[in-house]
Amino acid sequence: SFHSFDGCRILYRHWPAENHNGRFITLFHRGHEHGARLTE
């Protein structure tokens, strides 16, 4: 988690890379939903 500008605590998930290639992807979920919905 991290705290935003107003102190709001925001959670996030990290799926570590298998054989990391030095690259990153960030995912933004649909409205009403959450990051765990993007597990697959």
PDB file of all heavy atoms in Angstrom:
ATOM      1  N   SER A   1       0.845  -1.190   0.000  1.00  0.00           N
ATOM      2  CA  SER A   1       0.000   0.000   0.000  1.00  0.00           C
ATOM      3  C   SER A   1       0.882   1.242   0.000  1.00  0.00           C
ATOM      4  O   SER A   1       2.063   1.190   0.315  1.00  0.00           O
ATOM      5  CB  SER A   1      -0.932   0.019   1.215  1.00  0.00           C
ATOM      6  OG  SER A   1      -0.194   0.236   2.407  1.00  0.00           O
ATOM      7  N   PHE A   2       0.287   2.341  -0.380  1.00  0.00           N
ATOM      8  CA  PHE A   2       0.937   3.641  -0.245  1.00  0.00           C
ATOM      9  C   PHE A   2      -0.139   4.645   0.140  1.00  0.00           C
ATOM     10  O   PHE A   2      -1.337   4.385   0.018  1.00  0.00           O
ATOM     11  CB  PHE A   2       1.645   4.055  -1.543  1.00  0.00           C
ATOM     12  CG  PHE A   2       0.723   4.564  -2.626  1.00  0.00           C
ATOM     13  CD1 PHE A   2       0.587   5.920  -2.866  1.00  0.00           C
ATOM     14  CD2 PHE A   2      -0.022   3.678  -3.403  1.00  0.00           C
ATOM     15  CE1 PHE A   2      -0.268   6.387  -3.858  1.00  0.00           C
ATOM     16  CE2 PHE A   2      -0.869   4.131  -4.396  1.00  0.00           C
ATOM     17  CZ  PHE A   2      -0.995   5.495  -4.627  1.00  0.00           C
ATOM     18  N   HIS A   3       0.286   5.796   0.608  1.00  0.00           N
ATOM     19  CA  HIS A   3      -0.651   6.849   0.988  1.00  0.00           C
ATOM     20  C   HIS A   3      -0.576   7.970  -0.041  1.00  0.00           C
ATOM     21  O   HIS A   3       0.506   8.460  -0.357  1.00  0.00           O
ATOM     22  CB  HIS A   3      -0.344   7.383   2.382  1.00  0.00           C
ATOM     23  CG  HIS A   3      -0.671   6.396   3.467  1.00  0.00           C
ATOM     24  ND1 HIS A   3       0.220   5.411   3.864  1.00  0.00           N
ATOM     25  CD2 HIS A   3      -1.798   6.216   4.213  1.00  0.00           C
ATOM     26  CE1 HIS A   3      -0.341   4.678   4.822  1.00  0.00           C
ATOM     27  NE2 HIS A   3      -1.557   5.140   5.046  1.00  0.00           N
ATOM     28  N   SER A   4      -1.732   8.368  -0.533  1.00  0.00           N
ATOM     29  CA  SER A   4      -1.786   9.415  -1.541  1.00  0.00           C
ATOM     30  C   SER A   4      -1.633  10.784  -0.890  1.00  0.00           C
ATOM     31  O   SER A   4      -1.379  10.904   0.307  1.00  0.00           O
ATOM     32  CB  SER A   4      -3.088   9.322  -2.337  1.00  0.00           C
ATOM     33  OG  SER A   4      -3.038  10.117  -3.493  1.00  0.00           O
ATOM     34  N   PHE A   5      -1.809  11.841  -1.664  1.00  0.00           N
ATOM     35  CA  PHE A   5      -1.532  13.204  -1.223  1.00  0.00           C
ATOM     36  C   PHE A   5      -2.350  13.615  -0.013  1.00  0.00           C
ATOM     37  O   PHE A   5      -1.915  14.446   0.787  1.00  0.00           O
ATOM     38  CB  PHE A   5      -1.792  14.184  -2.378  1.00  0.00           C
ATOM     39  CG  PHE A   5      -3.225  14.223  -2.824  1.00  0.00           C
ATOM     40  CD1 PHE A   5      -4.097  15.179  -2.334  1.00  0.00           C
ATOM     41  CD2 PHE A   5      -3.713  13.299  -3.728  1.00  0.00           C
ATOM     42  CE1 PHE A   5      -5.422  15.210  -2.731  1.00  0.00           C
ATOM     43  CE2 PHE A   5      -5.031  13.323  -4.145  1.00  0.00           C
ATOM     44  CZ  PHE A   5      -5.893  14.279  -3.641  1.00  0.00           C
ATOM     45  N   ASP A   6      -3.544  13.037   0.132  1.00  0.00           N
ATOM     46  CA  ASP A   6      -4.418  13.410   1.242  1.00  0.00           C
ATOM     47  C   ASP A   6      -4.439  12.367   2.350  1.00  0.00           C
ATOM     48  O   ASP A   6      -5.293  12.396   3.230  1.00  0.00           O
ATOM     49  CB  ASP A   6      -5.842  13.651   0.734  1.00  0.00           C
ATOM     50  CG  ASP A   6      -6.427  12.417   0.045  1.00  0.00           C
ATOM     51  OD1 ASP A   6      -5.684  11.442  -0.167  1.00  0.00           O
ATOM     52  OD2 ASP A   6      -7.626  12.436  -0.288  1.00  0.00           O
ATOM     53  N   GLY A   7      -3.489  11.426   2.306  1.00  0.00           N
ATOM     54  CA  GLY A   7      -3.411  10.392   3.333  1.00  0.00           C
ATOM     55  C   GLY A   7      -4.239   9.163   3.047  1.00  0.00           C
ATOM     56  O   GLY A   7      -4.201   8.196   3.828  1.00  0.00           O
ATOM     57  N   CYS A   8      -5.000   9.163   1.953  1.00  0.00           N
ATOM     58  CA  CYS A   8      -5.815   7.997   1.610  1.00  0.00           C
ATOM     59  C   CYS A   8      -4.912   6.795   1.321  1.00  0.00           C
ATOM     60  O   CYS A   8      -3.995   6.873   0.497  1.00  0.00           O
ATOM     61  CB  CYS A   8      -6.683   8.303   0.389  1.00  0.00           C
ATOM     62  SG  CYS A   8      -7.762   6.954  -0.116  1.00  0.00           S
ATOM     63  N   ARG A   9      -5.192   5.678   2.007  1.00  0.00           N
ATOM     64  CA  ARG A   9      -4.374   4.480   1.856  1.00  0.00           C
ATOM     65  C   ARG A   9      -4.884   3.667   0.664  1.00  0.00           C
ATOM     66  O   ARG A   9      -6.039   3.250   0.616  1.00  0.00           O
ATOM     67  CB  ARG A   9      -4.442   3.650   3.132  1.00  0.00           C
ATOM     68  CG  ARG A   9      -3.637   2.361   3.124  1.00  0.00           C
ATOM     69  CD  ARG A   9      -3.552   1.812   4.550  1.00  0.00           C
ATOM     70  NE  ARG A   9      -3.101   0.443   4.591  1.00  0.00           N
ATOM     71  CZ  ARG A   9      -3.915  -0.600   4.710  1.00  0.00           C
ATOM     72  NH1 ARG A   9      -5.218  -0.417   4.779  1.00  0.00           N
ATOM     73  NH2 ARG A   9      -3.429  -1.817   4.766  1.00  0.00           N
ATOM     74  N   ILE A  10      -4.003   3.457  -0.299  1.00  0.00           N
ATOM     75  CA  ILE A  10      -4.362   2.762  -1.536  1.00  0.00           C
ATOM     76  C   ILE A  10      -3.540   1.482  -1.642  1.00  0.00           C
ATOM     77  O   ILE A  10      -2.308   1.519  -1.558  1.00  0.00           O
ATOM     78  CB  ILE A  10      -4.131   3.669  -2.754  1.00  0.00           C
ATOM     79  CG1 ILE A  10      -5.070   4.886  -2.670  1.00  0.00           C
ATOM     80  CG2 ILE A  10      -4.337   2.908  -4.055  1.00  0.00           C
ATOM     81  CD1 ILE A  10      -4.897   5.882  -3.774  1.00  0.00           C
ATOM     82  N   LEU A  11      -4.225   0.370  -1.829  1.00  0.00           N
ATOM     83  CA  LEU A  11      -3.561  -0.930  -1.929  1.00  0.00           C
ATOM     84  C   LEU A  11      -3.239  -1.267  -3.383  1.00  0.00           C
ATOM     85  O   LEU A  11      -3.937  -0.838  -4.296  1.00  0.00           O
ATOM     86  CB  LEU A  11      -4.441  -2.030  -1.334  1.00  0.00           C
ATOM     87  CG  LEU A  11      -4.353  -2.186   0.192  1.00  0.00           C
ATOM     88  CD1 LEU A  11      -5.180  -1.129   0.901  1.00  0.00           C
ATOM     89  CD2 LEU A  11      -4.806  -3.577   0.616  1.00  0.00           C
ATOM     90  N   TYR A  12      -2.180  -2.023  -3.550  1.00  0.00           N
ATOM     91  CA  TYR A  12      -1.847  -2.529  -4.886  1.00  0.00           C
ATOM     92  C   TYR A  12      -1.184  -3.888  -4.758  1.00  0.00           C
ATOM     93  O   TYR A  12      -0.645  -4.251  -3.703  1.00  0.00           O
ATOM     94  CB  TYR A  12      -0.941  -1.551  -5.642  1.00  0.00           C
ATOM     95  CG  TYR A  12       0.431  -1.328  -5.044  1.00  0.00           C
ATOM     96  CD1 TYR A  12       1.530  -2.075  -5.470  1.00  0.00           C
ATOM     97  CD2 TYR A  12       0.633  -0.348  -4.069  1.00  0.00           C
ATOM     98  CE1 TYR A  12       2.792  -1.856  -4.942  1.00  0.00           C
ATOM     99  CE2 TYR A  12       1.896  -0.136  -3.530  1.00  0.00           C
ATOM    100  CZ  TYR A  12       2.973  -0.882  -3.969  1.00  0.00           C
ATOM    101  OH  TYR A  12       4.232  -0.669  -3.441  1.00  0.00           O
ATOM    102  N   ARG A  13      -1.227  -4.636  -5.839  1.00  0.00           N
ATOM    103  CA  ARG A  13      -0.663  -5.990  -5.880  1.00  0.00           C
ATOM    104  C   ARG A  13       0.523  -6.042  -6.821  1.00  0.00           C
ATOM    105  O   ARG A  13       0.555  -5.331  -7.830  1.00  0.00           O
ATOM    106  CB  ARG A  13      -1.747  -6.982  -6.321  1.00  0.00           C
ATOM    107  CG  ARG A  13      -2.847  -7.160  -5.309  1.00  0.00           C
ATOM    108  CD  ARG A  13      -4.089  -7.815  -5.884  1.00  0.00           C
ATOM    109  NE  ARG A  13      -5.114  -7.987  -4.853  1.00  0.00           N
ATOM    110  CZ  ARG A  13      -5.941  -7.017  -4.446  1.00  0.00           C
ATOM    111  NH1 ARG A  13      -5.864  -5.830  -5.007  1.00  0.00           N
ATOM    112  NH2 ARG A  13      -6.826  -7.252  -3.497  1.00  0.00           N
ATOM    113  N   HIS A  14       1.444  -6.901  -6.481  1.00  0.00           N
ATOM    114  CA  HIS A  14       2.629  -7.092  -7.319  1.00  0.00           C
ATOM    115  C   HIS A  14       2.767  -8.579  -7.625  1.00  0.00           C
ATOM    116  O   HIS A  14       2.838  -9.414  -6.717  1.00  0.00           O
ATOM    117  CB  HIS A  14       3.885  -6.596  -6.588  1.00  0.00           C
ATOM    118  CG  HIS A  14       5.155  -6.929  -7.297  1.00  0.00           C
ATOM    119  ND1 HIS A  14       6.343  -7.201  -6.623  1.00  0.00           N
ATOM    120  CD2 HIS A  14       5.442  -7.042  -8.612  1.00  0.00           C
ATOM    121  CE1 HIS A  14       7.291  -7.467  -7.505  1.00  0.00           C
ATOM    122  NE2 HIS A  14       6.774  -7.384  -8.712  1.00  0.00           N
ATOM    123  N   TRP A  15       2.779  -8.900  -8.920  1.00  0.00           N
ATOM    124  CA  TRP A  15       3.060 -10.253  -9.368  1.00  0.00           C
ATOM    125  C   TRP A  15       4.493 -10.267  -9.895  1.00  0.00           C
ATOM    126  O   TRP A  15       4.776  -9.716 -10.968  1.00  0.00           O
ATOM    127  CB  TRP A  15       2.107 -10.663 -10.490  1.00  0.00           C
ATOM    128  CG  TRP A  15       0.689 -10.877 -10.032  1.00  0.00           C
ATOM    129  CD1 TRP A  15       0.111 -12.059  -9.689  1.00  0.00           C
ATOM    130  CD2 TRP A  15      -0.339  -9.879  -9.907  1.00  0.00           C
ATOM    131  NE1 TRP A  15      -1.206 -11.881  -9.348  1.00  0.00           N
ATOM    132  CE2 TRP A  15      -1.517 -10.542  -9.471  1.00  0.00           C
ATOM    133  CE3 TRP A  15      -0.377  -8.496 -10.104  1.00  0.00           C
ATOM    134  CZ2 TRP A  15      -2.697  -9.863  -9.232  1.00  0.00           C
ATOM    135  CZ3 TRP A  15      -1.559  -7.817  -9.866  1.00  0.00           C
ATOM    136  CH2 TRP A  15      -2.709  -8.497  -9.440  1.00  0.00           C
ATOM    137  N   PRO A  16       5.430 -10.842  -9.147  1.00  0.00           N
ATOM    138  CA  PRO A  16       6.835 -10.821  -9.589  1.00  0.00           C
ATOM    139  C   PRO A  16       7.014 -11.573 -10.900  1.00  0.00           C
ATOM    140  O   PRO A  16       6.318 -12.553 -11.193  1.00  0.00           O
ATOM    141  CB  PRO A  16       7.575 -11.530  -8.444  1.00  0.00           C
ATOM    142  CG  PRO A  16       6.648 -11.433  -7.264  1.00  0.00           C
ATOM    143  CD  PRO A  16       5.263 -11.481  -7.837  1.00  0.00           C
ATOM    144  N   ALA A  17       7.951 -11.082 -11.695  1.00  0.00           N
ATOM    145  CA  ALA A  17       8.219 -11.687 -12.999  1.00  0.00           C
ATOM    146  C   ALA A  17       8.919 -13.020 -12.851  1.00  0.00           C
ATOM    147  O   ALA A  17       9.714 -13.231 -11.921  1.00  0.00           O
ATOM    148  CB  ALA A  17       9.082 -10.754 -13.839  1.00  0.00           C
ATOM    149  N   GLU A  18       8.608 -13.908 -13.752  1.00  0.00           N
ATOM    150  CA  GLU A  18       9.387 -15.136 -13.888  1.00  0.00           C
ATOM    151  C   GLU A  18      10.466 -14.851 -14.927  1.00  0.00           C
ATOM    152  O   GLU A  18      10.166 -14.557 -16.075  1.00  0.00           O
ATOM    153  CB  GLU A  18       8.478 -16.278 -14.344  1.00  0.00           C
ATOM    154  CG  GLU A  18       7.353 -16.591 -13.372  1.00  0.00           C
ATOM    155  CD  GLU A  18       6.451 -17.709 -13.870  1.00  0.00           C
ATOM    156  OE1 GLU A  18       6.864 -18.422 -14.814  1.00  0.00           O
ATOM    157  OE2 GLU A  18       5.343 -17.870 -13.324  1.00  0.00           O
ATOM    158  N   ASN A  19      11.747 -14.908 -14.495  1.00  0.00           N
ATOM    159  CA  ASN A  19      12.859 -14.560 -15.387  1.00  0.00           C
ATOM    160  C   ASN A  19      12.699 -13.132 -15.900  1.00  0.00           C
ATOM    161  O   ASN A  19      12.472 -12.882 -17.080  1.00  0.00           O
ATOM    162  CB  ASN A  19      12.949 -15.536 -16.570  1.00  0.00           C
ATOM    163  CG  ASN A  19      13.116 -16.971 -16.131  1.00  0.00           C
ATOM    164  OD1 ASN A  19      13.916 -17.248 -15.229  1.00  0.00           O
ATOM    165  ND2 ASN A  19      12.358 -17.887 -16.736  1.00  0.00           N
ATOM    166  N   HIS A  20      12.852 -12.193 -14.981  1.00  0.00           N
ATOM    167  CA  HIS A  20      12.570 -10.781 -15.261  1.00  0.00           C
ATOM    168  C   HIS A  20      13.374 -10.272 -16.447  1.00  0.00           C
ATOM    169  O   HIS A  20      14.591 -10.457 -16.530  1.00  0.00           O
ATOM    170  CB  HIS A  20      12.901  -9.930 -14.030  1.00  0.00           C
ATOM    171  CG  HIS A  20      12.505  -8.499 -14.149  1.00  0.00           C
ATOM    172  ND1 HIS A  20      13.224  -7.483 -13.592  1.00  0.00           N
ATOM    173  CD2 HIS A  20      11.450  -7.923 -14.791  1.00  0.00           C
ATOM    174  CE1 HIS A  20      12.640  -6.330 -13.869  1.00  0.00           C
ATOM    175  NE2 HIS A  20      11.563  -6.570 -14.585  1.00  0.00           N
ATOM    176  N   ASN A  21      12.672  -9.606 -17.375  1.00  0.00           N
ATOM    177  CA  ASN A  21      13.310  -9.048 -18.570  1.00  0.00           C
ATOM    178  C   ASN A  21      13.605  -7.560 -18.446  1.00  0.00           C
ATOM    179  O   ASN A  21      13.928  -6.897 -19.427  1.00  0.00           O
ATOM    180  CB  ASN A  21      12.420  -9.289 -19.796  1.00  0.00           C
ATOM    181  CG  ASN A  21      11.024  -8.676 -19.629  1.00  0.00           C
ATOM    182  OD1 ASN A  21      10.786  -7.839 -18.757  1.00  0.00           O
ATOM    183  ND2 ASN A  21      10.087  -9.112 -20.468  1.00  0.00           N
ATOM    184  N   GLY A  22      13.485  -7.025 -17.217  1.00  0.00           N
ATOM    185  CA  GLY A  22      13.775  -5.615 -17.004  1.00  0.00           C
ATOM    186  C   GLY A  22      12.619  -4.695 -17.341  1.00  0.00           C
ATOM    187  O   GLY A  22      12.791  -3.479 -17.381  1.00  0.00           O
ATOM    188  N   ARG A  23      11.431  -5.281 -17.569  1.00  0.00           N
ATOM    189  CA  ARG A  23      10.285  -4.490 -17.989  1.00  0.00           C
ATOM    190  C   ARG A  23       9.127  -4.624 -16.991  1.00  0.00           C
ATOM    191  O   ARG A  23       9.080  -5.564 -16.210  1.00  0.00           O
ATOM    192  CB  ARG A  23       9.833  -4.926 -19.387  1.00  0.00           C
ATOM    193  CG  ARG A  23      10.930  -4.766 -20.436  1.00  0.00           C
ATOM    194  CD  ARG A  23      10.570  -5.466 -21.724  1.00  0.00           C
ATOM    195  NE  ARG A  23      11.672  -5.394 -22.698  1.00  0.00           N
ATOM    196  CZ  ARG A  23      11.694  -6.049 -23.846  1.00  0.00           C
ATOM    197  NH1 ARG A  23      10.678  -6.849 -24.175  1.00  0.00           N
ATOM    198  NH2 ARG A  23      12.708  -5.930 -24.667  1.00  0.00           N
ATOM    199  N   PHE A  24       8.207  -3.665 -17.089  1.00  0.00           N
ATOM    200  CA  PHE A  24       7.116  -3.571 -16.114  1.00  0.00           C
ATOM    201  C   PHE A  24       5.795  -3.326 -16.836  1.00  0.00           C
ATOM    202  O   PHE A  24       5.754  -2.693 -17.890  1.00  0.00           O
ATOM    203  CB  PHE A  24       7.361  -2.417 -15.136  1.00  0.00           C
ATOM    204  CG  PHE A  24       8.679  -2.500 -14.405  1.00  0.00           C
ATOM    205  CD1 PHE A  24       9.856  -2.051 -15.004  1.00  0.00           C
ATOM    206  CD2 PHE A  24       8.744  -3.013 -13.123  1.00  0.00           C
ATOM    207  CE1 PHE A  24      11.067  -2.111 -14.339  1.00  0.00           C
ATOM    208  CE2 PHE A  24       9.959  -3.087 -12.451  1.00  0.00           C
ATOM    209  CZ  PHE A  24      11.120  -2.632 -13.063  1.00  0.00           C
ATOM    210  N   ILE A  25       4.714  -3.800 -16.223  1.00  0.00           N
ATOM    211  CA  ILE A  25       3.365  -3.515 -16.700  1.00  0.00           C
ATOM    212  C   ILE A  25       2.521  -3.112 -15.494  1.00  0.00           C
ATOM    213  O   ILE A  25       2.558  -3.770 -14.455  1.00  0.00           O
ATOM    214  CB  ILE A  25       2.734  -4.737 -17.402  1.00  0.00           C
ATOM    215  CG1 ILE A  25       3.389  -4.966 -18.767  1.00  0.00           C
ATOM    216  CG2 ILE A  25       1.228  -4.539 -17.591  1.00  0.00           C
ATOM    217  CD1 ILE A  25       2.866  -6.184 -19.509  1.00  0.00           C
ATOM    218  N   THR A  26       1.786  -2.033 -15.648  1.00  0.00           N
ATOM    219  CA  THR A  26       0.827  -1.646 -14.611  1.00  0.00           C
ATOM    220  C   THR A  26      -0.578  -1.766 -15.193  1.00  0.00           C
ATOM    221  O   THR A  26      -0.822  -1.445 -16.360  1.00  0.00           O
ATOM    222  CB  THR A  26       1.062  -0.205 -14.119  1.00  0.00           C
ATOM    223  OG1 THR A  26       1.031   0.689 -15.231  1.00  0.00           O
ATOM    224  CG2 THR A  26       2.396  -0.089 -13.428  1.00  0.00           C
ATOM    225  N   LEU A  27      -1.506  -2.221 -14.357  1.00  0.00           N
ATOM    226  CA  LEU A  27      -2.874  -2.500 -14.779  1.00  0.00           C
ATOM    227  C   LEU A  27      -3.856  -1.583 -14.046  1.00  0.00           C
ATOM    228  O   LEU A  27      -3.740  -1.388 -12.831  1.00  0.00           O
ATOM    229  CB  LEU A  27      -3.235  -3.957 -14.489  1.00  0.00           C
ATOM    230  CG  LEU A  27      -2.302  -5.038 -15.058  1.00  0.00           C
ATOM    231  CD1 LEU A  27      -2.764  -6.420 -14.599  1.00  0.00           C
ATOM    232  CD2 LEU A  27      -2.251  -4.960 -16.578  1.00  0.00           C
ATOM    233  N   PHE A  28      -4.822  -1.039 -14.781  1.00  0.00           N
ATOM    234  CA  PHE A  28      -5.873  -0.201 -14.217  1.00  0.00           C
ATOM    235  C   PHE A  28      -7.218  -0.899 -14.453  1.00  0.00           C
ATOM    236  O   PHE A  28      -7.631  -1.091 -15.600  1.00  0.00           O
ATOM    237  CB  PHE A  28      -5.880   1.179 -14.880  1.00  0.00           C
ATOM    238  CG  PHE A  28      -4.714   2.048 -14.505  1.00  0.00           C
ATOM    239  CD1 PHE A  28      -3.457   1.828 -15.063  1.00  0.00           C
ATOM    240  CD2 PHE A  28      -4.863   3.102 -13.615  1.00  0.00           C
ATOM    241  CE1 PHE A  28      -2.380   2.636 -14.733  1.00  0.00           C
ATOM    242  CE2 PHE A  28      -3.790   3.912 -13.276  1.00  0.00           C
ATOM    243  CZ  PHE A  28      -2.544   3.668 -13.837  1.00  0.00           C
ATOM    244  N   HIS A  29      -7.894  -1.259 -13.378  1.00  0.00           N
ATOM    245  CA  HIS A  29      -9.125  -2.050 -13.486  1.00  0.00           C
ATOM    246  C   HIS A  29     -10.322  -1.194 -13.893  1.00  0.00           C
ATOM    247  O   HIS A  29     -10.269   0.048 -13.903  1.00  0.00           O
ATOM    248  CB  HIS A  29      -9.407  -2.757 -12.161  1.00  0.00           C
ATOM    249  CG  HIS A  29      -9.582  -1.807 -10.999  1.00  0.00           C
ATOM    250  ND1 HIS A  29     -10.734  -1.084 -10.782  1.00  0.00           N
ATOM    251  CD2 HIS A  29      -8.730  -1.472  -9.979  1.00  0.00           C
ATOM    252  CE1 HIS A  29     -10.602  -0.354  -9.686  1.00  0.00           C
ATOM    253  NE2 HIS A  29      -9.395  -0.553  -9.186  1.00  0.00           N
ATOM    254  N   ARG A  30     -11.427  -1.862 -14.195  1.00  0.00           N
ATOM    255  CA  ARG A  30     -12.693  -1.201 -14.514  1.00  0.00           C
ATOM    256  C   ARG A  30     -13.244  -0.471 -13.297  1.00  0.00           C
ATOM    257  O   ARG A  30     -12.839  -0.709 -12.173  1.00  0.00           O
ATOM    258  CB  ARG A  30     -13.743  -2.225 -14.958  1.00  0.00           C
ATOM    259  CG  ARG A  30     -13.516  -2.876 -16.304  1.00  0.00           C
ATOM    260  CD  ARG A  30     -14.666  -3.828 -16.632  1.00  0.00           C
ATOM    261  NE  ARG A  30     -15.940  -3.135 -16.578  1.00  0.00           N
ATOM    262  CZ  ARG A  30     -16.880  -3.328 -15.650  1.00  0.00           C
ATOM    263  NH1 ARG A  30     -16.688  -4.225 -14.689  1.00  0.00           N
ATOM    264  NH2 ARG A  30     -18.008  -2.652 -15.683  1.00  0.00           N
ATOM    265  N   GLY A  31     -14.218   0.420 -13.543  1.00  0.00           N
ATOM    266  CA  GLY A  31     -14.948   1.011 -12.437  1.00  0.00           C
ATOM    267  C   GLY A  31     -15.667  -0.066 -11.646  1.00  0.00           C
ATOM    268  O   GLY A  31     -15.996  -1.129 -12.180  1.00  0.00           O
ATOM    269  N   HIS A  32     -15.884   0.187 -10.367  1.00  0.00           N
ATOM    270  CA  HIS A  32     -16.589  -0.708  -9.433  1.00  0.00           C
ATOM    271  C   HIS A  32     -15.733  -1.909  -8.992  1.00  0.00           C
ATOM    272  O   HIS A  32     -16.098  -2.578  -8.026  1.00  0.00           O
ATOM    273  CB  HIS A  32     -17.897  -1.267 -10.032  1.00  0.00           C
ATOM    274  CG  HIS A  32     -18.788  -0.245 -10.639  1.00  0.00           C
ATOM    275  ND1 HIS A  32     -19.420   0.720  -9.897  1.00  0.00           N
ATOM    276  CD2 HIS A  32     -19.163  -0.023 -11.934  1.00  0.00           C
ATOM    277  CE1 HIS A  32     -20.150   1.497 -10.687  1.00  0.00           C
ATOM    278  NE2 HIS A  32     -20.008   1.065 -11.928  1.00  0.00           N
ATOM    279  N   GLU A  33     -14.636  -2.202  -9.682  1.00  0.00           N
ATOM    280  CA  GLU A  33     -13.907  -3.449  -9.433  1.00  0.00           C
ATOM    281  C   GLU A  33     -12.621  -3.211  -8.647  1.00  0.00           C
ATOM    282  O   GLU A  33     -12.498  -2.211  -7.930  1.00  0.00           O
ATOM    283  CB  GLU A  33     -13.654  -4.163 -10.760  1.00  0.00           C
ATOM    284  CG  GLU A  33     -14.954  -4.528 -11.490  1.00  0.00           C
ATOM    285  CD  GLU A  33     -14.769  -5.575 -12.573  1.00  0.00           C
ATOM    286  OE1 GLU A  33     -13.653  -6.103 -12.711  1.00  0.00           O
ATOM    287  OE2 GLU A  33     -15.751  -5.870 -13.282  1.00  0.00           O
ATOM    288  N   HIS A  34     -11.650  -4.108  -8.772  1.00  0.00           N
ATOM    289  CA  HIS A  34     -10.412  -4.005  -7.998  1.00  0.00           C
ATOM    290  C   HIS A  34      -9.326  -4.828  -8.675  1.00  0.00           C
ATOM    291  O   HIS A  34      -9.587  -5.616  -9.599  1.00  0.00           O
ATOM    292  CB  HIS A  34     -10.634  -4.475  -6.557  1.00  0.00           C
ATOM    293  CG  HIS A  34     -11.243  -5.845  -6.439  1.00  0.00           C
ATOM    294  ND1 HIS A  34     -10.485  -7.002  -6.423  1.00  0.00           N
ATOM    295  CD2 HIS A  34     -12.538  -6.241  -6.356  1.00  0.00           C
ATOM    296  CE1 HIS A  34     -11.287  -8.048  -6.323  1.00  0.00           C
ATOM    297  NE2 HIS A  34     -12.538  -7.623  -6.285  1.00  0.00           N
ATOM    298  N   GLY A  35      -8.090  -4.648  -8.212  1.00  0.00           N
ATOM    299  CA  GLY A  35      -6.938  -5.234  -8.880  1.00  0.00           C
ATOM    300  C   GLY A  35      -6.895  -6.742  -8.884  1.00  0.00           C
ATOM    301  O   GLY A  35      -6.371  -7.359  -9.823  1.00  0.00           O
ATOM    302  N   ALA A  36      -7.447  -7.398  -7.848  1.00  0.00           N
ATOM    303  CA  ALA A  36      -7.405  -8.859  -7.801  1.00  0.00           C
ATOM    304  C   ALA A  36      -8.205  -9.479  -8.943  1.00  0.00           C
ATOM    305  O   ALA A  36      -7.971 -10.639  -9.311  1.00  0.00           O
ATOM    306  CB  ALA A  36      -7.933  -9.361  -6.454  1.00  0.00           C
ATOM    307  N   ARG A  37      -9.130  -8.721  -9.505  1.00  0.00           N
ATOM    308  CA  ARG A  37      -9.919  -9.218 -10.637  1.00  0.00           C
ATOM    309  C   ARG A  37      -9.060  -9.423 -11.887  1.00  0.00           C
ATOM    310  O   ARG A  37      -9.483 -10.066 -12.837  1.00  0.00           O
ATOM    311  CB  ARG A  37     -11.035  -8.217 -10.959  1.00  0.00           C
ATOM    312  CG  ARG A  37     -12.109  -8.134  -9.895  1.00  0.00           C
ATOM    313  CD  ARG A  37     -13.239  -9.100 -10.168  1.00  0.00           C
ATOM    314  NE  ARG A  37     -13.909  -8.768 -11.419  1.00  0.00           N
ATOM    315  CZ  ARG A  37     -14.586  -9.632 -12.148  1.00  0.00           C
ATOM    316  NH1 ARG A  37     -14.668 -10.899 -11.785  1.00  0.00           N
ATOM    317  NH2 ARG A  37     -15.174  -9.259 -13.271  1.00  0.00           N
ATOM    318  N   LEU A  38      -7.854  -8.883 -11.878  1.00  0.00           N
ATOM    319  CA  LEU A  38      -6.972  -8.961 -13.041  1.00  0.00           C
ATOM    320  C   LEU A  38      -5.882 -10.010 -12.863  1.00  0.00           C
ATOM    321  O   LEU A  38      -4.873 -10.004 -13.566  1.00  0.00           O
ATOM    322  CB  LEU A  38      -6.333  -7.589 -13.293  1.00  0.00           C
ATOM    323  CG  LEU A  38      -7.324  -6.430 -13.447  1.00  0.00           C
ATOM    324  CD1 LEU A  38      -6.582  -5.111 -13.613  1.00  0.00           C
ATOM    325  CD2 LEU A  38      -8.261  -6.669 -14.630  1.00  0.00           C
ATOM    326  N   THR A  39      -6.099 -10.920 -11.923  1.00  0.00           N
ATOM    327  CA  THR A  39      -5.083 -11.910 -11.592  1.00  0.00           C
ATOM    328  C   THR A  39      -4.656 -12.752 -12.792  1.00  0.00           C
ATOM    329  O   THR A  39      -3.457 -12.945 -13.042  1.00  0.00           O
ATOM    330  CB  THR A  39      -5.591 -12.828 -10.472  1.00  0.00           C
ATOM    331  OG1 THR A  39      -5.788 -12.061  -9.289  1.00  0.00           O
ATOM    332  CG2 THR A  39      -4.595 -13.947 -10.192  1.00  0.00           C
ATOM    333  N   GLU A  40      -5.609 -13.260 -13.539  1.00  0.00           N
ATOM    334  CA  GLU A  40      -5.276 -14.138 -14.664  1.00  0.00           C
ATOM    335  C   GLU A  40      -4.400 -13.407 -15.684  1.00  0.00           C
ATOM    336  O   GLU A  40      -3.405 -13.956 -16.169  1.00  0.00           O
ATOM    337  CB  GLU A  40      -6.555 -14.642 -15.334  1.00  0.00           C
ATOM    338  CG  GLU A  40      -6.293 -15.611 -16.487  1.00  0.00           C
ATOM    339  CD  GLU A  40      -7.571 -16.088 -17.162  1.00  0.00           C
ATOM    340  OE1 GLU A  40      -8.673 -15.727 -16.689  1.00  0.00           O
ATOM    341  OE2 GLU A  40      -7.474 -16.822 -18.169  1.00  0.00           O
TER     342      GLU A  40
END
